[in-house]
Amino acid sequence: MTGSCFRTEKDGLTVFVRLTPKSAKDAVEGIGEGADGRRYVLARVRAVPEDGKANKALEKLLAKTLSVAGGSVAVTGGATSRLKQVHVSGDPGALVRKLQALGLAGDNNNTAARKSKKPVARTGFIEIGCFNLRPP
């Protein structure tokens, strides 16, 4: 992965987020990468994408996840898109440390862990459904 899922500003951070509305739960799931190589935080909210409800739920989720006041988080770009820019006001250094502690900064890659619940063993076998086939 290239780049970062956030940009430091003088008064906080701008976090790049890919939001999935109408999910079963509100959660920050890790880091993803777009086809263009840009990184973003993967987030899900239960709210529907109508009248800014999903954006408000995202702001609330990020405030809770980063342990900051709700008023310090605001969607600043991509209001009607899945890919959003969210500004988090506060000390940039402290916010970056919080992102690192959550595994959402640096070179961490949670995408593989998010897609597969079980570890994949590299043994030379091909797994198809519940059968393991040995190579010829």
Protein backbone atom coordinates (compact mmCIF):
# COMPACT_ATOMS: atom_id res chain seq x y z
CA MET A 1 0.00 0.00 0.00
CA THR A 2 1.16 3.46 -0.70
CA GLY A 3 0.34 6.72 1.00
CA SER A 4 -1.47 7.24 4.24
CA CYS A 5 -5.10 7.13 5.29
CA PHE A 6 -4.79 10.59 6.89
CA ARG A 7 -3.18 13.99 6.38
CA THR A 8 -1.92 16.14 9.23
CA GLU A 9 -3.20 19.70 9.40
CA LYS A 10 -2.20 22.56 11.71
CA ASP A 11 -5.37 22.11 13.78
CA GLY A 12 -5.86 18.33 13.56
CA LEU A 13 -6.10 15.57 10.97
CA THR A 14 -8.01 14.89 7.80
CA VAL A 15 -8.87 11.18 7.73
CA PHE A 16 -9.82 9.47 4.46
CA VAL A 17 -12.70 7.05 5.02
CA ARG A 18 -14.63 4.52 2.94
CA LEU A 19 -18.07 4.33 4.53
CA THR A 20 -20.53 1.46 4.20
CA PRO A 21 -24.02 2.53 5.36
CA LYS A 22 -26.92 0.21 6.30
CA SER A 23 -24.55 -2.24 7.96
CA ALA A 24 -25.41 -4.64 10.77
CA LYS A 25 -23.17 -2.73 13.21
CA ASP A 26 -21.21 0.47 13.68
CA ALA A 27 -17.50 -0.34 13.44
CA VAL A 28 -14.10 0.79 12.21
CA GLU A 29 -12.67 -2.28 10.48
CA GLY A 30 -9.15 -1.39 9.42
CA ILE A 31 -7.37 0.03 6.40
CA GLY A 32 -8.30 -0.51 2.76
CA GLU A 33 -6.79 0.48 -0.56
CA GLY A 34 -8.53 1.72 -3.66
CA ALA A 35 -7.71 0.73 -7.24
CA ASP A 36 -5.73 3.96 -7.55
CA GLY A 37 -3.50 2.99 -4.59
CA ARG A 38 -4.96 5.46 -2.11
CA ARG A 39 -5.50 4.22 1.44
CA TYR A 40 -8.55 4.85 3.60
CA VAL A 41 -10.08 3.78 6.88
CA LEU A 42 -12.86 1.22 6.43
CA ALA A 43 -15.95 2.13 8.47
CA ARG A 44 -19.49 0.75 8.72
CA VAL A 45 -22.57 2.38 10.20
CA ARG A 46 -26.14 1.19 10.69
CA ALA A 47 -27.63 4.51 9.56
CA VAL A 48 -29.17 4.90 6.12
CA PRO A 49 -27.56 7.26 3.59
CA GLU A 50 -30.43 9.77 3.64
CA ASP A 51 -30.41 13.39 4.79
CA GLY A 52 -26.85 13.10 6.15
CA LYS A 53 -27.76 10.41 8.70
CA ALA A 54 -24.87 8.13 7.70
CA ASN A 55 -22.43 11.06 7.82
CA LYS A 56 -23.59 11.99 11.34
CA ALA A 57 -23.24 8.36 12.42
CA LEU A 58 -19.71 8.29 10.96
CA GLU A 59 -18.78 11.45 12.87
CA LYS A 60 -20.10 9.94 16.09
CA LEU A 61 -18.29 6.63 15.45
CA LEU A 62 -14.94 8.30 14.76
CA ALA A 63 -15.31 10.56 17.81
CA LYS A 64 -15.93 7.51 19.99
CA THR A 65 -13.12 5.50 18.38
CA LEU A 66 -10.57 8.30 18.77
CA SER A 67 -11.87 9.36 22.22
CA VAL A 68 -12.48 12.97 21.18
CA ALA A 69 -15.48 15.27 21.57
CA GLY A 70 -18.25 14.74 19.03
CA GLY A 71 -18.07 18.36 17.90
CA SER A 72 -14.43 18.00 16.87
CA VAL A 73 -15.25 15.54 14.05
CA ALA A 74 -16.84 16.74 10.80
CA VAL A 75 -17.26 15.33 7.29
CA THR A 76 -15.60 17.92 5.04
CA GLY A 77 -15.61 16.14 1.69
CA GLY A 78 -17.59 13.43 -0.08
CA ALA A 79 -20.92 14.08 1.63
CA THR A 80 -22.79 11.95 -0.94
CA SER A 81 -19.97 9.53 -1.75
CA ARG A 82 -18.67 6.38 -0.04
CA LEU A 83 -15.18 7.90 0.00
CA LYS A 84 -15.12 10.75 2.50
CA GLN A 85 -12.74 13.23 4.06
CA VAL A 86 -13.31 13.71 7.77
CA HIS A 87 -11.59 16.49 9.73
CA VAL A 88 -10.74 15.71 13.35
CA SER A 89 -9.80 18.79 15.38
CA GLY A 90 -7.16 18.51 18.07
CA ASP A 91 -3.44 18.00 18.60
CA PRO A 92 -2.18 16.28 15.41
CA GLY A 93 0.56 14.38 17.26
CA ALA A 94 -1.84 12.96 19.83
CA LEU A 95 -4.36 12.01 17.13
CA VAL A 96 -1.69 10.22 15.08
CA ARG A 97 -0.65 8.26 18.19
CA LYS A 98 -4.28 7.23 18.72
CA LEU A 99 -4.54 6.07 15.10
CA GLN A 100 -1.30 4.10 15.50
CA ALA A 101 -2.56 2.47 18.70
CA LEU A 102 -5.70 1.38 16.82
CA GLY A 103 -3.65 0.00 13.91
CA LEU A 104 -4.95 2.68 11.53
CA ALA A 105 -1.66 4.42 10.78
CA GLY A 106 1.78 3.44 9.58
CA ASP A 107 2.34 0.36 7.44
CA ASN A 108 -0.33 -1.76 9.11
CA ASN A 109 -2.50 -3.71 6.71
CA ASN A 110 -5.71 -5.05 8.22
CA THR A 111 -7.37 -5.76 4.88
CA ALA A 112 -6.43 -9.46 4.73
CA ALA A 113 -7.49 -10.06 8.33
CA ARG A 114 -10.81 -8.33 7.65
CA LYS A 115 -11.59 -10.42 4.57
CA SER A 116 -10.76 -13.80 6.10
CA LYS A 117 -11.83 -14.81 9.59
CA LYS A 118 -9.47 -17.80 9.69
CA PRO A 119 -5.73 -17.90 8.98
CA VAL A 120 -4.69 -19.23 5.60
CA ALA A 121 -1.89 -21.79 5.64
CA ARG A 122 0.53 -21.84 2.72
CA THR A 123 1.13 -25.61 2.48
CA GLY A 124 0.87 -26.31 -1.24
CA PHE A 125 -2.73 -27.48 -0.95
CA ILE A 126 -5.63 -25.84 -2.74
CA GLU A 127 -8.65 -25.29 -0.55
CA ILE A 128 -12.00 -25.62 -2.32
CA GLY A 129 -15.02 -25.40 -0.08
CA CYS A 130 -14.34 -27.95 2.63
CA PHE A 131 -12.04 -30.15 0.53
CA ASN A 132 -8.26 -29.92 0.36
CA LEU A 133 -6.80 -31.09 -2.95
CA ARG A 134 -3.15 -32.03 -3.19
CA PRO A 135 -1.32 -30.70 -6.22
CA PRO A 136 -0.46 -33.41 -8.83
